[in-house]
Amino acid sequence: MRSDHLTGAARPGPDRAPADVDEAVYDVVESIPAGRVSTYGAVGRLVGVGPRRVARALSQGGAAVPWYRVVRADGSAAEPVRARQLALLAAEGVPVRRQRVDLAAVLWPDD
């Protein structure tokens, strides 16, 4: 495994097993600071997978990590968890307007 320069998270190589991808996703999500959010796409770029693969990892086993800090590219939350996710983010001080996170204010990682 390689280490990501932004997070220090292990990045699986080209012959990665699904469990390795999941662990890499969890490592990145755990490194998102409280009060900040990232997108499925940004996490995917750090891990080397697409945004849907990030969503799958979090939906299938991401309960032990702050899954709610990952939102869609437009700042919205997925329908099945929207109310809970937005409440958890608001509790951390994340600005939410019209059921969307203000990504300009809290997006991680910084560009």
Protein backbone atom coordinates (compact mmCIF):
# COMPACT_ATOMS: atom_id res chain seq x y z
CA MET A 1 0.00 0.00 0.00
CA ARG A 2 1.03 3.57 -0.67
CA SER A 3 0.50 6.50 1.68
CA ASP A 4 -1.56 9.51 0.62
CA HIS A 5 0.35 12.77 0.89
CA LEU A 6 -2.62 14.75 2.26
CA THR A 7 -3.96 12.41 4.90
CA GLY A 8 -1.27 9.80 5.47
CA ALA A 9 -3.99 7.23 4.75
CA ALA A 10 -2.96 4.02 3.07
CA ARG A 11 -3.96 3.96 -0.58
CA PRO A 12 -4.51 0.56 -2.15
CA GLY A 13 -2.55 -0.26 -5.27
CA PRO A 14 -4.01 -1.44 -8.58
CA ASP A 15 -4.59 -4.99 -7.33
CA ARG A 16 -6.62 -3.88 -4.34
CA ALA A 17 -9.13 -6.11 -2.65
CA PRO A 18 -12.59 -4.67 -1.82
CA ALA A 19 -11.79 -4.75 1.91
CA ASP A 20 -8.62 -2.73 1.25
CA VAL A 21 -10.64 -0.10 -0.61
CA ASP A 22 -13.14 0.06 2.25
CA GLU A 23 -10.33 0.52 4.79
CA ALA A 24 -8.73 3.25 2.67
CA VAL A 25 -12.09 5.05 2.48
CA TYR A 26 -12.53 4.76 6.26
CA ASP A 27 -9.00 6.09 6.86
CA VAL A 28 -9.68 9.19 4.75
CA VAL A 29 -13.11 9.79 6.31
CA GLU A 30 -11.64 9.48 9.81
CA SER A 31 -9.19 12.26 8.93
CA ILE A 32 -11.93 14.79 8.05
CA PRO A 33 -11.90 17.25 10.97
CA ALA A 34 -15.03 17.97 12.98
CA GLY A 35 -16.89 20.92 11.50
CA ARG A 36 -15.61 20.18 7.98
CA VAL A 37 -17.00 18.00 5.19
CA SER A 38 -15.75 16.32 2.06
CA THR A 39 -17.53 14.98 -1.00
CA TYR A 40 -17.78 11.41 -2.24
CA GLY A 41 -15.74 12.47 -5.25
CA ALA A 42 -12.97 14.10 -3.22
CA VAL A 43 -12.64 11.05 -0.96
CA GLY A 44 -12.64 8.85 -4.05
CA ARG A 45 -9.83 10.85 -5.64
CA LEU A 46 -7.73 10.47 -2.49
CA VAL A 47 -8.35 6.71 -2.45
CA GLY A 48 -8.24 6.12 -6.19
CA VAL A 49 -11.85 5.04 -6.72
CA GLY A 50 -15.07 6.62 -7.94
CA PRO A 51 -17.63 8.37 -5.76
CA ARG A 52 -20.12 5.51 -5.93
CA ARG A 53 -17.53 3.14 -4.52
CA VAL A 54 -17.00 5.54 -1.61
CA ALA A 55 -20.75 5.65 -0.99
CA ARG A 56 -20.93 1.86 -1.04
CA ALA A 57 -18.12 1.51 1.49
CA LEU A 58 -19.75 3.99 3.84
CA SER A 59 -23.23 2.52 3.49
CA GLN A 60 -22.06 -1.04 4.09
CA GLY A 61 -19.70 -0.56 7.00
CA GLY A 62 -18.92 3.04 7.71
CA ALA A 63 -20.89 3.36 10.95
CA ALA A 64 -17.66 3.40 13.00
CA VAL A 65 -16.34 6.48 11.16
CA PRO A 66 -17.89 9.96 10.80
CA TRP A 67 -19.73 9.00 7.60
CA TYR A 68 -21.95 12.05 7.91
CA ARG A 69 -19.00 14.31 7.02
CA VAL A 70 -19.20 13.09 3.40
CA VAL A 71 -21.82 14.70 1.18
CA ARG A 72 -22.71 14.91 -2.50
CA ALA A 73 -20.86 17.33 -4.78
CA ASP A 74 -23.72 19.85 -4.50
CA GLY A 75 -23.61 19.78 -0.69
CA SER A 76 -26.75 17.68 -0.30
CA ALA A 77 -27.15 14.55 1.77
CA ALA A 78 -28.42 11.22 0.47
CA GLU A 79 -32.18 10.82 0.94
CA PRO A 80 -32.18 7.77 3.24
CA VAL A 81 -30.01 9.55 5.84
CA ARG A 82 -30.67 13.22 5.04
CA ALA A 83 -32.35 14.35 8.26
CA ARG A 84 -29.91 12.51 10.52
CA GLN A 85 -26.84 13.57 8.53
CA LEU A 86 -27.79 17.25 8.44
CA ALA A 87 -28.57 17.21 12.18
CA LEU A 88 -25.18 15.67 12.98
CA LEU A 89 -23.41 18.21 10.78
CA ALA A 90 -25.35 21.13 12.29
CA ALA A 91 -24.34 19.89 15.77
CA GLU A 92 -20.70 20.27 14.67
CA GLY A 93 -21.34 23.82 13.50
CA VAL A 94 -21.41 23.04 9.78
CA PRO A 95 -23.47 25.69 7.96
CA VAL A 96 -26.53 24.13 6.33
CA ARG A 97 -28.88 26.15 4.14
CA ARG A 98 -31.92 24.76 2.30
CA GLN A 99 -30.83 21.23 3.23
CA ARG A 100 -27.37 21.69 1.69
CA VAL A 101 -23.99 22.19 3.27
CA ASP A 102 -22.21 25.45 2.43
CA LEU A 103 -19.23 23.73 0.81
CA ALA A 104 -17.40 27.01 0.21
CA ALA A 105 -17.15 27.46 3.97
CA VAL A 106 -16.22 23.96 5.15
CA LEU A 107 -14.92 21.80 2.29
CA TRP A 108 -11.99 19.49 3.11
CA PRO A 109 -9.29 18.96 1.98
CA ASP A 110 -8.32 22.53 1.28
CA ASP A 111 -7.28 23.12 -2.29
